[in-house]
Amino acid sequence: MSTDMMSDILVKTTDLPWVPLAEGIDYRVLRTSAETGTWTVLLRAQAGSSFAKHRHLGPGEYFMVKGRMEYRAGSAVAGDYGYEPLDAVHEETNFTEYSELYFTNHGPVVFLDDDDNVTSILDHSVLTQLAAAHSSEAKTA
């Protein structure tokens, strides 16, 4: 993973650990930027896993590498590209089969309860911190 904005970046993704994000969903952080708030990850989701209701506080883009993802825009399958605009709210995002996707978000994503109160925030710093903590735990285990 790299946060260096002044040089080329080459990430050997198979060398990166999968970091737990939500039940049945893991990620590999490819790049984060404290300057812009942008973050890029590979996500893998087990069949039946899902993301709870959330709002994009920056636009996002994804490319489905494999599997199927169901959300308000429809059913995305391997080879599909999607764009999620600023302030897009997704009631739930479901993975009906094992899936992998490349995802970039240009700002935070906030998770919401039924009354639209923020329950958690996912941003470049959280992803970086979780990955670092997971890496440290793996080294001491």
N, C-alpha and C. Protein backbone atom coordinates (compact mmCIF):
# COMPACT_ATOMS: atom_id res chain seq x y z
N MET A 1 0.85 -1.17 0.00
CA MET A 1 0.00 0.00 0.00
C MET A 1 0.89 1.23 0.00
N SER A 2 0.44 2.26 -0.66
CA SER A 2 1.24 3.47 -0.75
C SER A 2 0.39 4.70 -0.56
N THR A 3 0.97 5.70 0.11
CA THR A 3 0.34 7.01 0.23
C THR A 3 1.21 8.08 -0.42
N ASP A 4 2.30 7.67 -1.07
CA ASP A 4 3.23 8.60 -1.71
C ASP A 4 2.64 9.11 -3.01
N MET A 5 2.48 10.43 -3.12
CA MET A 5 1.86 11.01 -4.30
C MET A 5 2.89 11.50 -5.32
N MET A 6 4.18 11.41 -5.02
CA MET A 6 5.18 11.99 -5.90
C MET A 6 5.91 10.97 -6.75
N SER A 7 5.52 9.72 -6.71
CA SER A 7 6.21 8.72 -7.51
C SER A 7 5.21 7.72 -8.07
N ASP A 8 5.68 6.95 -9.04
CA ASP A 8 4.86 5.88 -9.58
C ASP A 8 4.58 4.87 -8.48
N ILE A 9 3.49 4.14 -8.63
CA ILE A 9 3.12 3.15 -7.63
C ILE A 9 2.89 1.82 -8.34
N LEU A 10 3.50 0.78 -7.82
CA LEU A 10 3.24 -0.58 -8.28
C LEU A 10 2.98 -1.42 -7.04
N VAL A 11 1.80 -1.99 -6.95
CA VAL A 11 1.42 -2.77 -5.78
C VAL A 11 1.27 -4.23 -6.20
N LYS A 12 1.99 -5.11 -5.54
CA LYS A 12 1.87 -6.55 -5.76
C LYS A 12 0.71 -7.03 -4.87
N THR A 13 -0.47 -7.06 -5.44
CA THR A 13 -1.67 -7.31 -4.63
C THR A 13 -1.66 -8.66 -3.94
N THR A 14 -1.05 -9.66 -4.56
CA THR A 14 -1.05 -10.98 -3.92
C THR A 14 -0.15 -11.01 -2.69
N ASP A 15 0.71 -10.01 -2.53
CA ASP A 15 1.55 -9.92 -1.33
C ASP A 15 0.83 -9.25 -0.17
N LEU A 16 -0.32 -8.66 -0.43
CA LEU A 16 -1.06 -7.94 0.62
C LEU A 16 -2.01 -8.88 1.35
N PRO A 17 -2.14 -8.70 2.66
CA PRO A 17 -3.11 -9.53 3.39
C PRO A 17 -4.54 -9.06 3.14
N TRP A 18 -5.47 -9.99 3.26
CA TRP A 18 -6.89 -9.62 3.27
C TRP A 18 -7.22 -9.17 4.69
N VAL A 19 -7.83 -8.01 4.82
CA VAL A 19 -8.15 -7.41 6.11
C VAL A 19 -9.67 -7.47 6.31
N PRO A 20 -10.14 -8.01 7.44
CA PRO A 20 -11.58 -8.06 7.68
C PRO A 20 -12.18 -6.65 7.76
N LEU A 21 -13.32 -6.47 7.08
CA LEU A 21 -14.00 -5.17 7.07
C LEU A 21 -15.39 -5.28 7.68
N ALA A 22 -16.15 -6.26 7.24
CA ALA A 22 -17.49 -6.54 7.75
C ALA A 22 -17.66 -8.05 7.69
N GLU A 23 -18.70 -8.55 8.31
CA GLU A 23 -18.89 -10.00 8.32
C GLU A 23 -18.93 -10.53 6.88
N GLY A 24 -17.96 -11.38 6.54
CA GLY A 24 -17.90 -11.98 5.22
C GLY A 24 -17.28 -11.11 4.15
N ILE A 25 -16.77 -9.93 4.52
CA ILE A 25 -16.17 -9.01 3.54
C ILE A 25 -14.78 -8.59 4.02
N ASP A 26 -13.80 -8.75 3.14
CA ASP A 26 -12.41 -8.38 3.42
C ASP A 26 -11.91 -7.44 2.33
N TYR A 27 -10.80 -6.78 2.61
CA TYR A 27 -10.23 -5.87 1.61
C TYR A 27 -8.71 -5.92 1.63
N ARG A 28 -8.14 -5.50 0.51
CA ARG A 28 -6.72 -5.22 0.39
C ARG A 28 -6.62 -3.75 0.01
N VAL A 29 -5.93 -2.96 0.82
CA VAL A 29 -5.81 -1.54 0.51
C VAL A 29 -4.68 -1.35 -0.50
N LEU A 30 -5.02 -0.71 -1.61
CA LEU A 30 -4.05 -0.48 -2.68
C LEU A 30 -3.41 0.89 -2.59
N ARG A 31 -4.24 1.88 -2.25
CA ARG A 31 -3.73 3.25 -2.16
C ARG A 31 -4.69 4.09 -1.35
N THR A 32 -4.13 4.97 -0.55
CA THR A 32 -4.93 5.97 0.16
C THR A 32 -4.25 7.33 -0.01
N SER A 33 -5.04 8.38 0.09
CA SER A 33 -4.49 9.73 -0.02
C SER A 33 -5.08 10.60 1.08
N ALA A 34 -4.24 11.01 2.01
CA ALA A 34 -4.69 11.93 3.05
C ALA A 34 -5.01 13.30 2.46
N GLU A 35 -4.34 13.66 1.38
CA GLU A 35 -4.54 14.96 0.75
C GLU A 35 -5.94 15.08 0.13
N THR A 36 -6.37 14.04 -0.59
CA THR A 36 -7.65 14.10 -1.30
C THR A 36 -8.76 13.30 -0.63
N GLY A 37 -8.39 12.39 0.28
CA GLY A 37 -9.38 11.52 0.90
C GLY A 37 -9.76 10.33 0.04
N THR A 38 -9.10 10.19 -1.10
CA THR A 38 -9.39 9.08 -2.01
C THR A 38 -8.76 7.80 -1.49
N TRP A 39 -9.47 6.70 -1.69
CA TRP A 39 -8.93 5.39 -1.33
C TRP A 39 -9.35 4.35 -2.35
N THR A 40 -8.44 3.41 -2.60
CA THR A 40 -8.68 2.34 -3.55
C THR A 40 -8.40 1.01 -2.88
N VAL A 41 -9.34 0.09 -3.02
CA VAL A 41 -9.22 -1.23 -2.39
C VAL A 41 -9.68 -2.31 -3.36
N LEU A 42 -9.22 -3.52 -3.09
CA LEU A 42 -9.83 -4.72 -3.65
C LEU A 42 -10.73 -5.26 -2.56
N LEU A 43 -11.95 -5.57 -2.89
CA LEU A 43 -12.88 -6.16 -1.93
C LEU A 43 -13.18 -7.59 -2.35
N ARG A 44 -13.30 -8.47 -1.36
CA ARG A 44 -13.82 -9.80 -1.63
C ARG A 44 -14.96 -10.03 -0.64
N ALA A 45 -16.02 -10.57 -1.17
CA ALA A 45 -17.23 -10.77 -0.37
C ALA A 45 -17.72 -12.20 -0.53
N GLN A 46 -17.99 -12.83 0.58
CA GLN A 46 -18.53 -14.19 0.56
C GLN A 46 -19.99 -14.15 0.15
N ALA A 47 -20.47 -15.23 -0.41
CA ALA A 47 -21.89 -15.33 -0.78
C ALA A 47 -22.75 -15.09 0.45
N GLY A 48 -23.75 -14.24 0.32
CA GLY A 48 -24.65 -13.93 1.43
C GLY A 48 -24.22 -12.76 2.29
N SER A 49 -23.04 -12.21 2.05
CA SER A 49 -22.59 -11.06 2.84
C SER A 49 -23.19 -9.78 2.28
N SER A 50 -23.12 -8.71 3.08
CA SER A 50 -23.71 -7.45 2.63
C SER A 50 -23.10 -6.27 3.38
N PHE A 51 -23.23 -5.10 2.76
CA PHE A 51 -22.95 -3.84 3.43
C PHE A 51 -24.27 -3.26 3.88
N ALA A 52 -24.31 -2.75 5.10
CA ALA A 52 -25.52 -2.12 5.63
C ALA A 52 -25.76 -0.78 4.93
N LYS A 53 -26.86 -0.17 5.27
CA LYS A 53 -27.24 1.13 4.70
C LYS A 53 -26.08 2.12 4.85
N HIS A 54 -25.77 2.84 3.76
CA HIS A 54 -24.66 3.78 3.80
C HIS A 54 -24.86 4.91 2.80
N ARG A 55 -24.12 6.00 3.04
CA ARG A 55 -24.13 7.18 2.17
C ARG A 55 -22.69 7.47 1.74
N HIS A 56 -22.54 7.79 0.46
CA HIS A 56 -21.23 8.15 -0.08
C HIS A 56 -21.03 9.66 0.06
N LEU A 57 -20.03 10.06 0.86
CA LEU A 57 -19.71 11.48 1.02
C LEU A 57 -18.68 11.92 -0.01
N GLY A 58 -18.43 11.07 -0.94
CA GLY A 58 -17.61 11.34 -2.12
C GLY A 58 -18.02 10.30 -3.15
N PRO A 59 -17.88 10.61 -4.42
CA PRO A 59 -18.29 9.65 -5.44
C PRO A 59 -17.39 8.41 -5.43
N GLY A 60 -17.95 7.30 -5.87
CA GLY A 60 -17.21 6.05 -5.93
C GLY A 60 -17.33 5.40 -7.29
N GLU A 61 -16.36 4.56 -7.61
CA GLU A 61 -16.36 3.81 -8.85
C GLU A 61 -15.91 2.39 -8.55
N TYR A 62 -16.49 1.43 -9.27
CA TYR A 62 -16.08 0.05 -9.06
C TYR A 62 -16.03 -0.71 -10.37
N PHE A 63 -15.27 -1.79 -10.35
CA PHE A 63 -15.21 -2.74 -11.46
C PHE A 63 -15.35 -4.12 -10.84
N MET A 64 -16.36 -4.86 -11.28
CA MET A 64 -16.59 -6.22 -10.78
C MET A 64 -15.61 -7.18 -11.45
N VAL A 65 -14.77 -7.79 -10.65
CA VAL A 65 -13.80 -8.76 -11.16
C VAL A 65 -14.46 -10.13 -11.31
N LYS A 66 -15.24 -10.50 -10.30
CA LYS A 66 -15.98 -11.76 -10.36
C LYS A 66 -17.17 -11.69 -9.42
N GLY A 67 -18.16 -12.53 -9.66
CA GLY A 67 -19.31 -12.61 -8.77
C GLY A 67 -20.47 -11.73 -9.18
N ARG A 68 -21.28 -11.39 -8.16
CA ARG A 68 -22.51 -10.61 -8.38
C ARG A 68 -22.77 -9.74 -7.15
N MET A 69 -23.12 -8.49 -7.42
CA MET A 69 -23.48 -7.54 -6.37
C MET A 69 -24.83 -6.94 -6.72
N GLU A 70 -25.73 -6.92 -5.74
CA GLU A 70 -27.08 -6.37 -5.94
C GLU A 70 -27.22 -5.12 -5.08
N TYR A 71 -27.63 -4.02 -5.73
CA TYR A 71 -27.90 -2.79 -4.99
C TYR A 71 -28.86 -1.94 -5.80
N ARG A 72 -29.12 -0.72 -5.37
CA ARG A 72 -30.21 0.07 -5.96
C ARG A 72 -30.09 0.29 -7.47
N ALA A 73 -28.86 0.28 -8.01
CA ALA A 73 -28.68 0.48 -9.45
C ALA A 73 -28.96 -0.79 -10.24
N GLY A 74 -29.02 -1.92 -9.55
CA GLY A 74 -29.29 -3.18 -10.24
C GLY A 74 -28.32 -4.26 -9.83
N SER A 75 -28.11 -5.19 -10.74
CA SER A 75 -27.26 -6.34 -10.50
C SER A 75 -25.96 -6.17 -11.29
N ALA A 76 -24.84 -6.05 -10.58
CA ALA A 76 -23.54 -5.91 -11.23
C ALA A 76 -22.85 -7.27 -11.21
N VAL A 77 -22.33 -7.68 -12.37
CA VAL A 77 -21.65 -8.97 -12.49
C VAL A 77 -20.24 -8.75 -13.05
N ALA A 78 -19.46 -9.81 -13.07
CA ALA A 78 -18.08 -9.73 -13.55
C ALA A 78 -18.01 -8.99 -14.88
N GLY A 79 -17.10 -8.02 -14.94
CA GLY A 79 -16.92 -7.21 -16.14
C GLY A 79 -17.69 -5.91 -16.12
N ASP A 80 -18.60 -5.72 -15.16
CA ASP A 80 -19.39 -4.49 -15.09
C ASP A 80 -18.63 -3.39 -14.34
N TYR A 81 -18.86 -2.15 -14.79
CA TYR A 81 -18.33 -0.95 -14.14
C TYR A 81 -19.51 -0.18 -13.57
N GLY A 82 -19.32 0.41 -12.41
CA GLY A 82 -20.37 1.24 -11.83
C GLY A 82 -19.81 2.52 -11.25
N TYR A 83 -20.65 3.55 -11.26
CA TYR A 83 -20.32 4.85 -10.68
C TYR A 83 -21.40 5.17 -9.65
N GLU A 84 -20.98 5.62 -8.48
CA GLU A 84 -21.90 5.97 -7.40
C GLU A 84 -21.66 7.43 -7.04
N PRO A 85 -22.63 8.31 -7.30
CA PRO A 85 -22.41 9.75 -7.13
C PRO A 85 -22.33 10.19 -5.67
N LEU A 86 -21.81 11.39 -5.49
CA LEU A 86 -21.80 12.05 -4.19
C LEU A 86 -23.20 12.01 -3.60
N ASP A 87 -23.30 11.66 -2.34
CA ASP A 87 -24.55 11.59 -1.57
C ASP A 87 -25.44 10.42 -1.94
N ALA A 88 -24.96 9.48 -2.75
CA ALA A 88 -25.75 8.28 -3.04
C ALA A 88 -25.98 7.52 -1.74
N VAL A 89 -27.22 7.10 -1.51
CA VAL A 89 -27.56 6.29 -0.35
C VAL A 89 -27.97 4.91 -0.85
N HIS A 90 -27.35 3.90 -0.28
CA HIS A 90 -27.68 2.52 -0.62
C HIS A 90 -28.27 1.86 0.63
N GLU A 91 -29.52 1.44 0.51
CA GLU A 91 -30.19 0.80 1.65
C GLU A 91 -29.44 -0.44 2.09
N GLU A 92 -28.98 -1.21 1.13
CA GLU A 92 -28.18 -2.39 1.42
C GLU A 92 -27.50 -2.81 0.12
N THR A 93 -26.32 -3.34 0.24
CA THR A 93 -25.59 -3.87 -0.90
C THR A 93 -25.34 -5.34 -0.61
N ASN A 94 -25.89 -6.22 -1.45
CA ASN A 94 -25.82 -7.66 -1.20
C ASN A 94 -24.94 -8.36 -2.22
N PHE A 95 -24.20 -9.32 -1.72
CA PHE A 95 -23.38 -10.17 -2.58
C PHE A 95 -24.02 -11.56 -2.57
N THR A 96 -24.67 -11.91 -3.66
CA THR A 96 -25.43 -13.16 -3.72
C THR A 96 -24.56 -14.37 -4.04
N GLU A 97 -23.32 -14.11 -4.45
CA GLU A 97 -22.35 -15.17 -4.67
C GLU A 97 -20.97 -14.60 -4.34
N TYR A 98 -19.98 -15.48 -4.22
CA TYR A 98 -18.64 -15.00 -3.94
C TYR A 98 -18.27 -13.94 -4.97
N SER A 99 -17.74 -12.80 -4.51
CA SER A 99 -17.47 -11.68 -5.41
C SER A 99 -16.15 -11.01 -5.07
N GLU A 100 -15.54 -10.43 -6.09
CA GLU A 100 -14.36 -9.58 -5.92
C GLU A 100 -14.56 -8.35 -6.78
N LEU A 101 -14.21 -7.18 -6.24
CA LEU A 101 -14.32 -5.96 -7.01
C LEU A 101 -13.22 -4.97 -6.64
N TYR A 102 -12.86 -4.18 -7.62
CA TYR A 102 -11.91 -3.09 -7.47
C TYR A 102 -12.76 -1.85 -7.20
N PHE A 103 -12.47 -1.13 -6.12
CA PHE A 103 -13.32 -0.01 -5.72
C PHE A 103 -12.48 1.20 -5.34
N THR A 104 -12.84 2.35 -5.87
CA THR A 104 -12.22 3.63 -5.49
C THR A 104 -13.32 4.56 -5.02
N ASN A 105 -13.10 5.19 -3.86
CA ASN A 105 -14.04 6.20 -3.38
C ASN A 105 -13.26 7.49 -3.15
N HIS A 106 -13.87 8.59 -3.52
CA HIS A 106 -13.23 9.90 -3.41
C HIS A 106 -13.77 10.64 -2.19
N GLY A 107 -13.58 10.03 -1.03
CA GLY A 107 -14.06 10.58 0.23
C GLY A 107 -14.62 9.48 1.10
N PRO A 108 -15.17 9.84 2.24
CA PRO A 108 -15.70 8.85 3.18
C PRO A 108 -17.02 8.22 2.73
N VAL A 109 -17.30 7.08 3.34
CA VAL A 109 -18.61 6.44 3.28
C VAL A 109 -19.08 6.36 4.73
N VAL A 110 -20.30 6.80 4.99
CA VAL A 110 -20.84 6.71 6.35
C VAL A 110 -21.94 5.66 6.38
N PHE A 111 -21.91 4.83 7.41
CA PHE A 111 -22.94 3.82 7.59
C PHE A 111 -24.01 4.38 8.51
N LEU A 112 -25.25 4.05 8.21
CA LEU A 112 -26.41 4.67 8.85
C LEU A 112 -27.32 3.65 9.51
N ASP A 113 -27.99 4.08 10.59
CA ASP A 113 -29.02 3.24 11.18
C ASP A 113 -30.35 3.53 10.50
N ASP A 114 -31.43 2.93 11.00
CA ASP A 114 -32.74 3.10 10.37
C ASP A 114 -33.26 4.53 10.41
N ASP A 115 -32.73 5.34 11.35
CA ASP A 115 -33.14 6.75 11.45
C ASP A 115 -32.13 7.68 10.77
N ASP A 116 -31.24 7.12 9.99
CA ASP A 116 -30.21 7.86 9.26
C ASP A 116 -29.15 8.51 10.15
N ASN A 117 -28.99 8.01 11.37
CA ASN A 117 -27.90 8.44 12.23
C ASN A 117 -26.63 7.70 11.81
N VAL A 118 -25.51 8.39 11.84
CA VAL A 118 -24.24 7.78 11.46
C VAL A 118 -23.80 6.80 12.55
N THR A 119 -23.53 5.56 12.15
CA THR A 119 -23.06 4.55 13.09
C THR A 119 -21.56 4.31 12.96
N SER A 120 -21.01 4.55 11.77
CA SER A 120 -19.56 4.42 11.58
C SER A 120 -19.15 5.14 10.30
N ILE A 121 -17.87 5.44 10.23
CA ILE A 121 -17.31 6.14 9.07
C ILE A 121 -16.18 5.30 8.50
N LEU A 122 -16.19 5.13 7.20
CA LEU A 122 -15.12 4.42 6.50
C LEU A 122 -14.43 5.43 5.59
N ASP A 123 -13.15 5.68 5.86
CA ASP A 123 -12.40 6.62 5.04
C ASP A 123 -10.96 6.14 4.88
N HIS A 124 -10.15 6.95 4.22
CA HIS A 124 -8.77 6.56 3.94
C HIS A 124 -8.00 6.25 5.21
N SER A 125 -8.21 7.01 6.28
CA SER A 125 -7.43 6.79 7.49
C SER A 125 -7.87 5.52 8.22
N VAL A 126 -9.16 5.25 8.25
CA VAL A 126 -9.66 4.02 8.89
C VAL A 126 -9.12 2.80 8.17
N LEU A 127 -9.19 2.80 6.85
CA LEU A 127 -8.70 1.66 6.07
C LEU A 127 -7.21 1.44 6.29
N THR A 128 -6.44 2.52 6.32
CA THR A 128 -5.00 2.42 6.55
C THR A 128 -4.71 1.89 7.95
N GLN A 129 -5.42 2.41 8.95
CA GLN A 129 -5.21 1.98 10.33
C GLN A 129 -5.59 0.52 10.54
N LEU A 130 -6.72 0.10 9.98
CA LEU A 130 -7.14 -1.30 10.10
C LEU A 130 -6.13 -2.24 9.45
N ALA A 131 -5.63 -1.85 8.27
CA ALA A 131 -4.65 -2.68 7.58
C ALA A 131 -3.36 -2.78 8.38
N ALA A 132 -2.90 -1.67 8.95
CA ALA A 132 -1.68 -1.68 9.75
C ALA A 132 -1.86 -2.52 11.01
N ALA A 133 -3.00 -2.39 11.67
CA ALA A 133 -3.26 -3.18 12.88
C ALA A 133 -3.34 -4.67 12.53
N HIS A 134 -3.98 -4.99 11.42
CA HIS A 134 -4.10 -6.39 11.01
C HIS A 134 -2.72 -6.97 10.69
N SER A 135 -1.88 -6.18 10.03
CA SER A 135 -0.53 -6.62 9.69
C SER A 135 0.29 -6.86 10.96
N SER A 136 0.15 -5.97 11.94
CA SER A 136 0.87 -6.13 13.21
C SER A 136 0.41 -7.36 13.96
N GLU A 137 -0.91 -7.61 13.97
CA GLU A 137 -1.45 -8.79 14.63
C GLU A 137 -0.96 -10.06 13.97
N ALA A 138 -0.89 -10.06 12.65
CA ALA A 138 -0.45 -11.25 11.91
C ALA A 138 1.02 -11.56 12.22
N LYS A 139 1.83 -10.51 12.41
CA LYS A 139 3.25 -10.71 12.69
C LYS A 139 3.48 -11.27 14.09
N THR A 140 2.60 -10.94 15.04
CA THR A 140 2.78 -11.40 16.42
C THR A 140 2.08 -12.72 16.68
N ALA A 141 1.27 -13.16 15.75
CA ALA A 141 0.52 -14.42 15.95
C ALA A 141 1.38 -15.62 15.65
